[in-house]
Amino acid sequence: MFKDFYAQRGEYVVISAEQASRFAKGVAGDYNPIHNPDARRFCVPGDLLFTLVLVKFGLSRQMEFRFTNMVGADTPIKFSETENGDIHVCDDSGKCYLQVVRSGEMTRDEAVVEGFARCYVAFSGKNFPHYLKPLMEQHGVMFNPKRPLVIYDSMGFCLERLDGFSPNLALNQSSLDVQGKRADVLLEFSIESAGEAVGVGSKKLVVSGLCDYDATEMAAIVDEFYRLKAAYEAA
């Protein structure tokens, strides 16, 4: 399950730029250029770290993920559990990249874990243009088209049950709070199974380097997104 997207070296996990990029495009549908192997500011997708936490520690009914730093290619990182059951993802110098707080019932059922991970990551990969473009247009702001920077800050969810469900995520509400040259984006979602509500969650993003919304510039960025998507799917 997801073994093609990382290498286990002793107690450390190593993710290559190629593995991270393939996960972003092939699993998440995320064509953010920061996940391209040759990107100057390349980083491993937060959704891949999220997925590996579930693979290694199972799915709990309540989980909160806080992303504190961006992971570069080939950085050895260790997934460890603290005495109180929290999960930390750190490198050998102690630098922390992800902190996870969890509670409630937990399952390690591979089908349930993989189903939820794939469902959430597919939803999360739609940040741009599906969710962000309408919000930025509405507020008259956008990221710098020459250096688009959208940072994954945190996410969390609460599930009513863990057994016998095939999840589907749907966006309930979205908001954008402009604070000078940056903005906080909140995406709130519902989790359903066979039409029945089984949970709720939210995701926070930070958009940096804000400038005035430019419809022409934005159209070019969206066109490039779909060009990259078509090229990947045709490969």
C-alpha atoms as a PDB file:
ATOM      1  CA  MET A   1       0.000   0.000   0.000  1.00  0.00           C
ATOM      2  CA  PHE A   2       1.687   3.203  -1.276  1.00  0.00           C
ATOM      3  CA  LYS A   3       5.089   1.472  -1.097  1.00  0.00           C
ATOM      4  CA  ASP A   4       6.090   2.921  -4.480  1.00  0.00           C
ATOM      5  CA  PHE A   5       6.165   6.426  -3.054  1.00  0.00           C
ATOM      6  CA  TYR A   6       8.871   6.123  -0.394  1.00  0.00           C
ATOM      7  CA  ALA A   7      11.872   4.056   0.666  1.00  0.00           C
ATOM      8  CA  GLN A   8      12.344   2.682   4.185  1.00  0.00           C
ATOM      9  CA  ARG A   9      15.974   2.907   5.321  1.00  0.00           C
ATOM     10  CA  GLY A  10      16.210   1.524   8.820  1.00  0.00           C
ATOM     11  CA  GLU A  11      14.063   3.727  11.043  1.00  0.00           C
ATOM     12  CA  TYR A  12      13.990   6.536   8.489  1.00  0.00           C
ATOM     13  CA  VAL A  13      11.792   7.176   5.470  1.00  0.00           C
ATOM     14  CA  VAL A  14      13.311   8.763   2.360  1.00  0.00           C
ATOM     15  CA  ILE A  15      11.195  10.222  -0.439  1.00  0.00           C
ATOM     16  CA  SER A  16      12.786  11.077  -3.765  1.00  0.00           C
ATOM     17  CA  ALA A  17      11.665  14.007  -5.896  1.00  0.00           C
ATOM     18  CA  GLU A  18      10.432  11.576  -8.538  1.00  0.00           C
ATOM     19  CA  GLN A  19       8.364   9.570  -6.023  1.00  0.00           C
ATOM     20  CA  ALA A  20       6.863  12.718  -4.507  1.00  0.00           C
ATOM     21  CA  SER A  21       6.007  14.178  -7.902  1.00  0.00           C
ATOM     22  CA  ARG A  22       4.422  10.924  -9.063  1.00  0.00           C
ATOM     23  CA  PHE A  23       2.258  10.820  -5.924  1.00  0.00           C
ATOM     24  CA  ALA A  24       1.190  14.457  -6.346  1.00  0.00           C
ATOM     25  CA  LYS A  25       0.119  13.981  -9.955  1.00  0.00           C
ATOM     26  CA  GLY A  26      -0.973  10.350 -10.046  1.00  0.00           C
ATOM     27  CA  VAL A  27      -2.768  10.025  -6.693  1.00  0.00           C
ATOM     28  CA  ALA A  28      -3.700  13.588  -5.688  1.00  0.00           C
ATOM     29  CA  GLY A  29      -4.199  15.141  -9.115  1.00  0.00           C
ATOM     30  CA  ASP A  30      -2.010  18.001  -7.862  1.00  0.00           C
ATOM     31  CA  TYR A  31       0.033  19.791 -10.548  1.00  0.00           C
ATOM     32  CA  ASN A  32       1.496  22.491  -8.317  1.00  0.00           C
ATOM     33  CA  PRO A  33       4.933  23.222  -9.861  1.00  0.00           C
ATOM     34  CA  ILE A  34       6.534  23.091  -6.395  1.00  0.00           C
ATOM     35  CA  HIS A  35       6.190  19.292  -6.620  1.00  0.00           C
ATOM     36  CA  ASN A  36       8.010  19.020  -9.965  1.00  0.00           C
ATOM     37  CA  PRO A  37      11.341  17.198  -9.522  1.00  0.00           C
ATOM     38  CA  ASP A  38      13.275  20.101 -11.071  1.00  0.00           C
ATOM     39  CA  ALA A  39      11.529  22.835  -9.043  1.00  0.00           C
ATOM     40  CA  ARG A  40      13.932  25.247  -7.354  1.00  0.00           C
ATOM     41  CA  ARG A  41      11.828  25.211  -4.171  1.00  0.00           C
ATOM     42  CA  PHE A  42      10.737  21.582  -4.465  1.00  0.00           C
ATOM     43  CA  CYS A  43       8.914  20.023  -1.517  1.00  0.00           C
ATOM     44  CA  VAL A  44       7.275  16.682  -0.769  1.00  0.00           C
ATOM     45  CA  PRO A  45       3.458  16.992  -0.829  1.00  0.00           C
ATOM     46  CA  GLY A  46       1.926  17.275   2.622  1.00  0.00           C
ATOM     47  CA  ASP A  47      -0.697  14.791   1.463  1.00  0.00           C
ATOM     48  CA  LEU A  48       1.998  12.132   1.042  1.00  0.00           C
ATOM     49  CA  LEU A  49       3.147  12.678   4.640  1.00  0.00           C
ATOM     50  CA  PHE A  50      -0.505  12.502   5.730  1.00  0.00           C
ATOM     51  CA  THR A  51      -0.910   9.208   3.871  1.00  0.00           C
ATOM     52  CA  LEU A  52       2.233   7.683   5.383  1.00  0.00           C
ATOM     53  CA  VAL A  53       1.034   8.547   8.895  1.00  0.00           C
ATOM     54  CA  LEU A  54      -2.161   6.582   8.232  1.00  0.00           C
ATOM     55  CA  VAL A  55      -0.218   3.690   6.684  1.00  0.00           C
ATOM     56  CA  LYS A  56       2.155   3.457   9.659  1.00  0.00           C
ATOM     57  CA  PHE A  57      -0.159   4.273  12.584  1.00  0.00           C
ATOM     58  CA  GLY A  58      -3.682   3.536  11.354  1.00  0.00           C
ATOM     59  CA  LEU A  59      -6.785   5.705  11.050  1.00  0.00           C
ATOM     60  CA  SER A  60      -8.250   7.188  14.238  1.00  0.00           C
ATOM     61  CA  ARG A  61     -11.708   8.687  14.579  1.00  0.00           C
ATOM     62  CA  GLN A  62     -10.290  12.087  15.516  1.00  0.00           C
ATOM     63  CA  MET A  63      -7.033  13.316  14.009  1.00  0.00           C
ATOM     64  CA  GLU A  64      -5.385  16.751  13.731  1.00  0.00           C
ATOM     65  CA  PHE A  65      -2.388  17.314  11.447  1.00  0.00           C
ATOM     66  CA  ARG A  66      -0.157  20.406  11.684  1.00  0.00           C
ATOM     67  CA  PHE A  67       2.516  20.919   9.021  1.00  0.00           C
ATOM     68  CA  THR A  68       5.416  22.892  10.485  1.00  0.00           C
ATOM     69  CA  ASN A  69       8.097  22.723   7.763  1.00  0.00           C
ATOM     70  CA  MET A  70       8.450  21.605   4.146  1.00  0.00           C
ATOM     71  CA  VAL A  71      10.299  18.342   3.432  1.00  0.00           C
ATOM     72  CA  GLY A  72      12.926  18.441   0.690  1.00  0.00           C
ATOM     73  CA  ALA A  73      13.765  15.579  -1.640  1.00  0.00           C
ATOM     74  CA  ASP A  74      15.808  12.689  -0.174  1.00  0.00           C
ATOM     75  CA  THR A  75      15.559  14.041   3.388  1.00  0.00           C
ATOM     76  CA  PRO A  76      15.642  11.160   5.909  1.00  0.00           C
ATOM     77  CA  ILE A  77      12.619  11.592   8.188  1.00  0.00           C
ATOM     78  CA  LYS A  78      11.458   9.515  11.121  1.00  0.00           C
ATOM     79  CA  PHE A  79       7.812   8.823  12.001  1.00  0.00           C
ATOM     80  CA  SER A  80       7.641   8.326  15.770  1.00  0.00           C
ATOM     81  CA  GLU A  81       4.998   8.068  18.468  1.00  0.00           C
ATOM     82  CA  THR A  82       5.306  10.055  21.702  1.00  0.00           C
ATOM     83  CA  GLU A  83       4.373   8.775  25.155  1.00  0.00           C
ATOM     84  CA  ASN A  84       0.933  10.389  24.965  1.00  0.00           C
ATOM     85  CA  GLY A  85       0.192   8.889  21.555  1.00  0.00           C
ATOM     86  CA  ASP A  86       0.956  11.938  19.395  1.00  0.00           C
ATOM     87  CA  ILE A  87       2.915  11.401  16.178  1.00  0.00           C
ATOM     88  CA  HIS A  88       5.921  13.474  15.123  1.00  0.00           C
ATOM     89  CA  VAL A  89       7.714  13.459  11.775  1.00  0.00           C
ATOM     90  CA  CYS A  90      11.257  14.789  12.239  1.00  0.00           C
ATOM     91  CA  ASP A  91      14.707  14.559  10.662  1.00  0.00           C
ATOM     92  CA  ASP A  92      17.867  13.398  12.418  1.00  0.00           C
ATOM     93  CA  SER A  93      18.640  16.926  13.633  1.00  0.00           C
ATOM     94  CA  GLY A  94      15.296  17.108  15.434  1.00  0.00           C
ATOM     95  CA  LYS A  95      13.636  19.475  12.958  1.00  0.00           C
ATOM     96  CA  CYS A  96       9.916  18.692  12.975  1.00  0.00           C
ATOM     97  CA  TYR A  97       7.857  18.700   9.768  1.00  0.00           C
ATOM     98  CA  LEU A  98       4.525  17.324  10.939  1.00  0.00           C
ATOM     99  CA  GLN A  99       2.751  16.932  14.280  1.00  0.00           C
ATOM    100  CA  VAL A 100      -0.331  14.742  14.670  1.00  0.00           C
ATOM    101  CA  VAL A 101      -2.753  14.592  17.596  1.00  0.00           C
ATOM    102  CA  ARG A 102      -5.254  11.732  17.596  1.00  0.00           C
ATOM    103  CA  SER A 103      -7.914  10.222  19.830  1.00  0.00           C
ATOM    104  CA  GLY A 104     -10.744   7.723  19.814  1.00  0.00           C
ATOM    105  CA  GLU A 105     -11.126   4.333  18.221  1.00  0.00           C
ATOM    106  CA  MET A 106      -8.444   3.315  15.703  1.00  0.00           C
ATOM    107  CA  THR A 107      -8.272   0.827  12.821  1.00  0.00           C
ATOM    108  CA  ARG A 108      -5.365  -0.624  10.861  1.00  0.00           C
ATOM    109  CA  ASP A 109      -7.620  -2.347   8.333  1.00  0.00           C
ATOM    110  CA  GLU A 110      -5.686  -1.797   5.092  1.00  0.00           C
ATOM    111  CA  ALA A 111      -8.771  -1.422   2.910  1.00  0.00           C
ATOM    112  CA  VAL A 112     -10.289   1.198   5.243  1.00  0.00           C
ATOM    113  CA  VAL A 113      -7.000   3.097   5.649  1.00  0.00           C
ATOM    114  CA  GLU A 114      -6.213   3.115   1.935  1.00  0.00           C
ATOM    115  CA  GLY A 115      -9.781   4.026   1.007  1.00  0.00           C
ATOM    116  CA  PHE A 116      -9.827   7.014   3.341  1.00  0.00           C
ATOM    117  CA  ALA A 117      -6.332   8.152   2.367  1.00  0.00           C
ATOM    118  CA  ARG A 118      -7.072   8.042  -1.370  1.00  0.00           C
ATOM    119  CA  CYS A 119     -10.438   9.751  -0.892  1.00  0.00           C
ATOM    120  CA  TYR A 120      -9.008  12.607   1.187  1.00  0.00           C
ATOM    121  CA  VAL A 121      -5.943  13.097  -1.026  1.00  0.00           C
ATOM    122  CA  ALA A 122      -8.110  13.273  -4.165  1.00  0.00           C
ATOM    123  CA  PHE A 123     -10.225  15.938  -2.460  1.00  0.00           C
ATOM    124  CA  SER A 124      -7.181  17.807  -1.170  1.00  0.00           C
ATOM    125  CA  GLY A 125      -5.495  17.783  -4.578  1.00  0.00           C
ATOM    126  CA  LYS A 126      -8.278  20.000  -5.915  1.00  0.00           C
ATOM    127  CA  ASN A 127      -6.999  23.039  -3.983  1.00  0.00           C
ATOM    128  CA  PHE A 128      -6.172  24.748  -7.264  1.00  0.00           C
ATOM    129  CA  PRO A 129      -7.913  25.701  -9.400  1.00  0.00           C
ATOM    130  CA  HIS A 130     -11.160  24.145  -8.131  1.00  0.00           C
ATOM    131  CA  TYR A 131     -11.354  25.757  -4.672  1.00  0.00           C
ATOM    132  CA  LEU A 132      -8.790  28.565  -4.642  1.00  0.00           C
ATOM    133  CA  LYS A 133      -9.521  30.318  -7.937  1.00  0.00           C
ATOM    134  CA  PRO A 134     -13.162  31.234  -7.115  1.00  0.00           C
ATOM    135  CA  LEU A 135     -12.138  32.430  -3.628  1.00  0.00           C
ATOM    136  CA  MET A 136      -9.303  34.621  -4.905  1.00  0.00           C
ATOM    137  CA  GLU A 137     -11.478  36.037  -7.673  1.00  0.00           C
ATOM    138  CA  GLN A 138     -14.209  36.842  -5.155  1.00  0.00           C
ATOM    139  CA  HIS A 139     -11.768  38.732  -2.904  1.00  0.00           C
ATOM    140  CA  GLY A 140      -9.866  40.434  -5.731  1.00  0.00           C
ATOM    141  CA  VAL A 141      -6.480  38.944  -4.808  1.00  0.00           C
ATOM    142  CA  MET A 142      -4.200  36.209  -6.130  1.00  0.00           C
ATOM    143  CA  PHE A 143      -0.766  34.711  -5.536  1.00  0.00           C
ATOM    144  CA  ASN A 144       2.233  36.073  -7.407  1.00  0.00           C
ATOM    145  CA  PRO A 145       1.952  34.432 -10.854  1.00  0.00           C
ATOM    146  CA  LYS A 146       5.760  34.246 -11.124  1.00  0.00           C
ATOM    147  CA  ARG A 147       6.145  32.603  -7.706  1.00  0.00           C
ATOM    148  CA  PRO A 148       2.836  30.988  -6.735  1.00  0.00           C
ATOM    149  CA  LEU A 149       3.140  29.869  -3.126  1.00  0.00           C
ATOM    150  CA  VAL A 150       0.343  27.994  -1.381  1.00  0.00           C
ATOM    151  CA  ILE A 151       1.397  26.327   1.870  1.00  0.00           C
ATOM    152  CA  TYR A 152      -0.434  23.444   3.531  1.00  0.00           C
ATOM    153  CA  ASP A 153      -0.864  24.576   7.158  1.00  0.00           C
ATOM    154  CA  SER A 154      -3.115  22.037   8.870  1.00  0.00           C
ATOM    155  CA  MET A 155      -6.087  19.699   8.582  1.00  0.00           C
ATOM    156  CA  GLY A 156      -8.292  17.656  10.865  1.00  0.00           C
ATOM    157  CA  PHE A 157     -11.357  15.445  10.878  1.00  0.00           C
ATOM    158  CA  CYS A 158     -13.793  13.639  13.125  1.00  0.00           C
ATOM    159  CA  LEU A 159     -15.403  10.346  12.074  1.00  0.00           C
ATOM    160  CA  GLU A 160     -18.494   8.795  13.610  1.00  0.00           C
ATOM    161  CA  ARG A 161     -17.353   5.273  12.780  1.00  0.00           C
ATOM    162  CA  LEU A 162     -14.514   3.382  11.097  1.00  0.00           C
ATOM    163  CA  ASP A 163     -16.092   0.138   9.941  1.00  0.00           C
ATOM    164  CA  GLY A 164     -17.890  -0.695   6.737  1.00  0.00           C
ATOM    165  CA  PHE A 165     -17.701   2.670   5.032  1.00  0.00           C
ATOM    166  CA  SER A 166     -16.506   3.763   1.603  1.00  0.00           C
ATOM    167  CA  PRO A 167     -15.881   7.476   2.122  1.00  0.00           C
ATOM    168  CA  ASN A 168     -16.605  10.376  -0.154  1.00  0.00           C
ATOM    169  CA  LEU A 169     -15.590  13.954   0.667  1.00  0.00           C
ATOM    170  CA  ALA A 170     -17.530  17.042  -0.386  1.00  0.00           C
ATOM    171  CA  LEU A 171     -16.712  20.719   0.130  1.00  0.00           C
ATOM    172  CA  ASN A 172     -19.249  22.356   2.450  1.00  0.00           C
ATOM    173  CA  GLN A 173     -17.881  25.846   2.877  1.00  0.00           C
ATOM    174  CA  SER A 174     -14.785  27.841   1.972  1.00  0.00           C
ATOM    175  CA  SER A 175     -13.424  31.178   3.162  1.00  0.00           C
ATOM    176  CA  LEU A 176     -10.427  33.418   2.547  1.00  0.00           C
ATOM    177  CA  ASP A 177      -9.116  35.857   5.171  1.00  0.00           C
ATOM    178  CA  VAL A 178      -6.739  38.464   3.713  1.00  0.00           C
ATOM    179  CA  GLN A 179      -4.010  39.722   6.054  1.00  0.00           C
ATOM    180  CA  GLY A 180      -1.800  42.114   4.120  1.00  0.00           C
ATOM    181  CA  LYS A 181       0.345  40.162   1.648  1.00  0.00           C
ATOM    182  CA  ARG A 182      -0.929  36.784   2.818  1.00  0.00           C
ATOM    183  CA  ALA A 183      -4.257  35.080   3.267  1.00  0.00           C
ATOM    184  CA  ASP A 184      -5.584  32.138   5.263  1.00  0.00           C
ATOM    185  CA  VAL A 185      -7.873  29.771   3.378  1.00  0.00           C
ATOM    186  CA  LEU A 186     -10.249  27.471   5.253  1.00  0.00           C
ATOM    187  CA  LEU A 187     -11.904  24.572   3.442  1.00  0.00           C
ATOM    188  CA  GLU A 188     -14.605  22.758   5.426  1.00  0.00           C
ATOM    189  CA  PHE A 189     -15.773  19.374   4.181  1.00  0.00           C
ATOM    190  CA  SER A 190     -18.242  16.622   4.975  1.00  0.00           C
ATOM    191  CA  ILE A 191     -17.423  12.924   4.881  1.00  0.00           C
ATOM    192  CA  GLU A 192     -20.159  10.641   3.584  1.00  0.00           C
ATOM    193  CA  SER A 193     -20.606   6.954   2.876  1.00  0.00           C
ATOM    194  CA  ALA A 194     -23.424   5.659   0.664  1.00  0.00           C
ATOM    195  CA  GLY A 195     -25.195   8.988   1.085  1.00  0.00           C
ATOM    196  CA  GLU A 196     -24.944   8.897   4.887  1.00  0.00           C
ATOM    197  CA  ALA A 197     -22.986  11.524   6.840  1.00  0.00           C
ATOM    198  CA  VAL A 198     -20.122   9.844   8.718  1.00  0.00           C
ATOM    199  CA  GLY A 199     -17.904  12.779   9.617  1.00  0.00           C
ATOM    200  CA  VAL A 200     -16.665  16.326   9.109  1.00  0.00           C
ATOM    201  CA  GLY A 201     -13.286  17.959   8.641  1.00  0.00           C
ATOM    202  CA  SER A 202     -11.416  21.091   7.612  1.00  0.00           C
ATOM    203  CA  LYS A 203      -8.185  22.097   5.939  1.00  0.00           C
ATOM    204  CA  LYS A 204      -6.212  25.330   6.273  1.00  0.00           C
ATOM    205  CA  LEU A 205      -3.925  26.757   3.602  1.00  0.00           C
ATOM    206  CA  VAL A 206      -1.754  29.878   3.577  1.00  0.00           C
ATOM    207  CA  VAL A 207      -1.384  31.876   0.351  1.00  0.00           C
ATOM    208  CA  SER A 208       1.691  34.148   0.306  1.00  0.00           C
ATOM    209  CA  GLY A 209       2.834  37.027  -1.880  1.00  0.00           C
ATOM    210  CA  LEU A 210      -0.641  38.367  -2.590  1.00  0.00           C
ATOM    211  CA  CYS A 211      -1.251  40.837  -5.392  1.00  0.00           C
ATOM    212  CA  ASP A 212      -4.320  42.233  -7.150  1.00  0.00           C
ATOM    213  CA  TYR A 213      -6.385  39.689  -9.054  1.00  0.00           C
ATOM    214  CA  ASP A 214      -5.566  39.649 -12.760  1.00  0.00           C
ATOM    215  CA  ALA A 215      -8.025  37.625 -14.836  1.00  0.00           C
ATOM    216  CA  THR A 216      -5.604  37.273 -17.764  1.00  0.00           C
ATOM    217  CA  GLU A 217      -2.743  36.059 -15.555  1.00  0.00           C
ATOM    218  CA  MET A 218      -5.053  33.667 -13.729  1.00  0.00           C
ATOM    219  CA  ALA A 219      -6.433  32.263 -16.987  1.00  0.00           C
ATOM    220  CA  ALA A 220      -2.868  31.527 -18.120  1.00  0.00           C
ATOM    221  CA  ILE A 221      -2.092  29.716 -14.841  1.00  0.00           C
ATOM    222  CA  VAL A 222      -5.273  27.632 -15.095  1.00  0.00           C
ATOM    223  CA  ASP A 223      -4.503  26.805 -18.739  1.00  0.00           C
ATOM    224  CA  GLU A 224      -1.022  25.638 -17.685  1.00  0.00           C
ATOM    225  CA  PHE A 225      -2.551  23.453 -14.954  1.00  0.00           C
ATOM    226  CA  TYR A 226      -4.741  21.653 -17.461  1.00  0.00           C
ATOM    227  CA  ARG A 227      -1.886  21.415 -19.968  1.00  0.00           C
ATOM    228  CA  LEU A 228       0.273  19.682 -17.361  1.00  0.00           C
ATOM    229  CA  LYS A 229      -2.635  17.426 -16.391  1.00  0.00           C
ATOM    230  CA  ALA A 230      -3.242  16.373 -19.998  1.00  0.00           C
ATOM    231  CA  ALA A 231       0.469  15.796 -20.600  1.00  0.00           C
ATOM    232  CA  TYR A 232       0.759  13.590 -17.510  1.00  0.00           C
ATOM    233  CA  GLU A 233      -2.328  11.554 -18.359  1.00  0.00           C
ATOM    234  CA  ALA A 234      -1.131  11.057 -21.932  1.00  0.00           C
ATOM    235  CA  ALA A 235       2.339   9.892 -20.882  1.00  0.00           C
END
